Protein backbone atom coordinates (compact mmCIF):
# COMPACT_ATOMS: atom_id res chain seq x y z
CA MET A 1 -0.03 0.01 -0.01
CA ALA A 2 1.35 3.38 -1.01
CA LEU A 3 1.97 5.93 1.71
CA THR A 4 -0.24 8.96 2.00
CA ALA A 5 1.34 12.41 1.59
CA LYS A 6 1.21 12.97 5.34
CA GLN A 7 2.86 9.56 6.01
CA LYS A 8 5.64 10.37 3.53
CA LEU A 9 6.21 13.69 5.32
CA PHE A 10 6.24 11.81 8.62
CA VAL A 11 9.05 9.52 7.35
CA THR A 12 11.02 12.54 6.19
CA GLU A 13 10.64 14.35 9.50
CA TYR A 14 11.38 11.25 11.51
CA LEU A 15 14.79 11.02 9.93
CA VAL A 16 15.64 14.50 11.22
CA ASP A 17 15.88 13.59 14.89
CA LEU A 18 14.31 10.15 15.28
CA ASN A 19 11.61 11.64 17.49
CA ALA A 20 8.25 10.12 16.47
CA THR A 21 6.14 12.64 18.37
CA GLN A 22 7.87 15.68 16.93
CA ALA A 23 7.92 14.15 13.48
CA ALA A 24 4.16 13.67 13.64
CA ILE A 25 3.65 17.31 14.68
CA ARG A 26 5.90 18.56 11.87
CA ALA A 27 4.05 16.31 9.40
CA GLY A 28 0.83 18.05 10.23
CA TYR A 29 -0.80 15.70 12.74
CA SER A 30 -2.59 17.20 15.76
CA ALA A 31 -0.29 18.00 18.65
CA LYS A 32 -2.81 16.40 21.01
CA THR A 33 -2.58 13.05 19.31
CA ALA A 34 0.96 13.32 17.93
CA ARG A 35 2.51 10.97 20.46
CA SER A 36 0.03 8.14 19.85
CA VAL A 37 0.03 8.72 16.11
CA GLY A 38 3.81 8.70 15.96
CA GLN A 39 3.99 5.42 17.85
CA GLU A 40 1.31 3.90 15.67
CA ASN A 41 3.12 5.01 12.46
CA LEU A 42 6.26 3.27 13.59
CA THR A 43 4.41 -0.01 13.77
CA LYS A 44 3.01 0.14 10.28
CA PRO A 45 5.00 -2.13 7.90
CA ASP A 46 4.97 0.24 4.93
CA ILE A 47 6.28 3.11 7.09
CA LYS A 48 8.88 0.90 8.69
CA ILE A 49 10.15 -0.12 5.27
CA ALA A 50 10.14 3.44 4.01
CA ILE A 51 12.16 4.61 7.05
CA GLN A 52 14.69 1.84 6.70
CA GLU A 53 15.12 2.39 2.97
CA ALA A 54 15.65 6.12 3.49
CA MET A 55 18.21 5.40 6.21
CA ASP A 56 20.01 2.87 4.04
CA LYS A 57 20.11 5.26 1.11
CA ARG A 58 21.39 8.12 3.24
CA ALA A 59 24.08 5.95 4.82
CA ALA A 60 25.26 4.59 1.48
CA LYS A 61 25.54 8.04 0.04
CA VAL A 62 28.04 9.16 2.67
CA GLU A 63 29.45 5.69 3.34
CA VAL A 64 28.53 5.87 7.01
CA THR A 65 27.46 2.80 8.93
CA ALA A 66 25.30 2.51 12.01
CA GLU A 67 28.40 1.26 13.91
CA MET A 68 30.35 4.37 12.94
CA VAL A 69 27.61 6.70 14.08
CA LEU A 70 27.09 4.85 17.30
CA GLN A 71 30.85 4.85 17.98
CA HIS A 72 30.97 8.63 17.47
CA TRP A 73 28.18 9.23 19.96
CA LEU A 74 29.65 6.75 22.43
CA ASP A 75 33.06 8.44 22.29
CA LEU A 76 31.34 11.82 22.84
CA ALA A 77 29.22 10.54 25.70
CA THR A 78 32.14 8.91 27.55
CA ALA A 79 34.78 11.65 26.97
CA ASP A 80 36.25 13.19 30.13
CA PRO A 81 35.48 16.90 30.34
CA ASN A 82 38.47 17.39 32.59
CA GLU A 83 40.67 16.90 29.56
CA VAL A 84 39.33 20.08 28.08
CA ILE A 85 38.86 22.34 31.12
CA HIS A 86 39.01 21.70 34.81
CA HIS A 87 39.13 23.37 38.23
CA ARG A 88 42.14 22.58 40.31
CA ARG A 89 43.60 23.51 43.70
CA VAL A 90 47.12 24.91 43.43
CA CYS A 91 49.70 26.01 46.00
CA CYS A 92 50.05 29.40 47.63
CA ARG A 93 53.31 31.37 47.81
CA HIS A 94 54.01 29.95 51.32
CA CYS A 95 53.40 26.30 50.63
CA PHE A 96 56.97 25.42 49.58
CA GLY A 97 58.97 28.37 50.71
CA HIS A 98 61.76 27.79 53.24
CA ASP A 99 60.02 27.54 56.66
CA HIS A 100 56.83 28.38 54.70
CA GLU A 101 58.05 31.97 54.10
CA TYR A 102 56.90 33.77 50.93
CA GLN A 103 58.49 32.10 47.92
CA TRP A 104 59.51 33.99 44.76
CA ILE A 105 59.54 32.68 41.19
CA ASP A 106 63.12 33.87 40.63
CA ASN A 107 65.55 36.65 41.53
CA GLU A 108 64.16 38.96 38.83
CA GLU A 109 60.73 38.84 40.35
CA TYR A 110 62.19 39.62 43.79
CA GLU A 111 64.26 42.52 42.43
CA ARG A 112 61.16 44.02 40.81
CA ALA A 113 59.36 43.86 44.20
CA VAL A 114 62.34 45.53 45.89
CA ASN A 115 62.42 48.35 43.35
CA ALA A 116 58.65 48.83 43.59
CA ALA A 117 58.92 49.16 47.36
CA LYS A 118 61.67 51.76 47.03
CA LEU A 119 59.73 53.83 44.49
CA SER A 120 56.57 53.81 46.62
CA THR A 121 58.35 55.00 49.80
CA LYS A 122 58.05 58.68 50.54
CA LYS A 123 61.25 60.75 50.40
CA GLY A 124 63.11 60.66 53.70
CA LYS A 125 61.49 57.41 54.81
CA THR A 126 63.21 54.08 55.00
CA PRO A 127 61.64 51.63 52.55
CA VAL A 128 60.28 48.39 53.84
CA LEU A 129 61.83 45.87 51.64
CA PRO A 130 60.39 42.36 51.02
CA SER A 131 62.30 39.39 52.32
CA ASP A 132 63.59 36.58 50.13
CA SER A 133 64.06 34.17 53.03
CA GLY A 134 61.46 31.89 51.49
CA GLY A 135 63.72 31.29 48.59
CA TYR A 136 63.01 30.96 44.86
CA GLY A 137 61.47 28.47 42.50
CA PHE A 138 57.73 29.06 43.08
CA ASP A 139 55.65 26.85 40.75
CA PRO A 140 51.98 27.89 40.61
CA THR A 141 50.85 24.54 39.20
CA ILE A 142 51.85 22.30 42.16
CA ARG A 143 49.19 21.00 44.56
CA PRO A 144 49.05 22.75 47.98
CA HIS A 145 51.29 21.61 50.80
CA PRO A 146 48.96 19.82 53.27
CA LYS A 147 50.67 21.46 56.27
CA CYS A 148 51.05 25.01 54.98
CA PRO A 149 50.32 27.39 57.85
CA GLU A 150 49.21 30.11 55.50
CA CYS A 151 46.55 28.36 53.36
CA HIS A 152 46.12 25.32 55.64
CA GLY A 153 46.55 23.01 52.67
CA GLU A 154 43.74 24.63 50.72
CA GLY A 155 45.84 26.64 48.25
CA HIS A 156 43.47 28.48 45.88
CA GLY A 157 41.15 27.50 43.10
CA GLN A 158 42.16 27.88 39.51
CA LEU A 159 40.38 27.17 36.19
CA HIS A 160 42.69 25.54 33.67
CA ALA A 161 41.91 25.18 29.96
CA ALA A 162 43.98 22.56 28.14
CA ASP A 163 45.88 23.16 24.89
CA THR A 164 43.19 21.75 22.59
CA ARG A 165 45.83 20.65 20.05
CA ASP A 166 46.83 17.95 22.57
CA LEU A 167 43.43 16.53 23.35
CA SER A 168 42.68 12.84 23.03
CA PRO A 169 40.41 11.73 20.13
CA LYS A 170 37.43 11.46 22.50
CA ALA A 171 38.05 14.87 24.06
CA LYS A 172 38.33 16.43 20.60
CA LYS A 173 34.80 15.28 19.87
CA LEU A 174 33.62 16.80 23.15
CA TYR A 175 35.35 20.18 22.50
CA ALA A 176 33.11 22.56 20.54
CA GLY A 177 35.24 25.65 20.39
CA ALA A 178 36.34 28.65 22.50
CA LYS A 179 36.21 32.40 22.45
CA TYR A 180 37.11 35.41 24.59
CA THR A 181 34.16 37.36 25.98
CA ALA A 182 33.88 40.33 28.29
CA ASN A 183 33.92 37.86 31.19
CA GLY A 184 37.00 36.04 30.01
CA LEU A 185 37.57 32.78 28.15
CA GLU A 186 34.47 30.80 27.25
CA VAL A 187 34.96 27.10 26.37
CA LYS A 188 32.09 25.27 24.63
CA LEU A 189 31.47 21.54 24.98
CA ASN A 190 29.13 19.37 22.96
CA ASP A 191 26.16 17.92 24.87
CA GLN A 192 27.03 14.56 26.40
CA GLU A 193 23.47 13.99 27.68
CA GLN A 194 22.19 14.41 24.11
CA ALA A 195 24.73 11.86 22.91
CA TRP A 196 23.47 9.35 25.44
CA ASP A 197 19.88 10.17 24.37
CA ARG A 198 20.78 9.44 20.73
CA ILE A 199 22.47 6.14 21.65
CA ALA A 200 19.35 5.10 23.61
CA ARG A 201 17.11 6.00 20.68
CA HIS A 202 19.16 4.03 18.15
CA LEU A 203 19.15 1.02 20.47
CA GLY A 204 15.38 1.24 20.78
CA MET A 205 15.34 1.93 24.48
CA TYR A 206 12.42 4.33 24.24
CA LYS A 207 8.91 3.01 23.75
CA ASP A 208 8.19 5.49 20.97
CA GLU A 209 11.21 4.23 18.92
CA LEU A 210 11.28 1.63 16.16
CA ARG A 211 13.80 -1.22 16.20
CA LEU A 212 15.07 -0.89 12.66
CA LYS A 213 16.85 -3.57 10.65
CA GLY A 214 20.58 -3.72 11.42
CA GLU A 215 20.14 -1.98 14.80
CA LEU A 216 22.97 -2.61 17.21
CA THR A 217 22.39 -4.68 20.31
CA ILE A 218 23.37 -3.78 23.84
CA LYS A 219 26.10 -6.41 23.59
CA LYS A 220 27.58 -4.57 20.56
CA LEU A 221 27.52 -1.32 22.53
CA GLU A 222 29.49 -2.95 25.34
CA ASP A 223 32.02 -4.26 22.80
CA LEU A 224 32.53 -0.73 21.43
CA MET A 225 33.33 0.52 24.94
């Protein structure tokens, strides 16, 4: 039996996001009955065949298999966001200074502080110069010293964005770009929850979804992981 014009449109719209309810609405069915109509359409043999044929044709055109698509979504869903950007606790200036005194990066930094103290001192007054008893070699990326008397092992929080050229293949799929705004650096990530939703839909985990020919099983999903 040939599909009606509305059923053909339903097939076309279903391929957009695999959402039967929304496909029914976009195809012109009543929003009140779209959910039930969408589910019913997915059970009709002619519509099932039309959907599968359209999917096969689309996949063949771009040489993309269901396994490739699922693997992409799985990589995105299981990528570690900390590879892209993370919040870390780093040491304070006293954590690793001698006797937990203020630690300088190097002698140049200390000399700049000394000169700044001299310039800011009023004429006729003795400048209060900073001490270098804490030594040199401050590294702002080290974790806090647990017994630091100044920060009590807390250090301070710091947002760190990774060099995106060095991201793992999974993290590169998660990374969606970055830009500088008035509030600073903004890093964008692709939606991992949406990736899980797409995986679930293609595995037929939702009642309003159709188990299409060639659909991957849960076992195959586990193998991909």
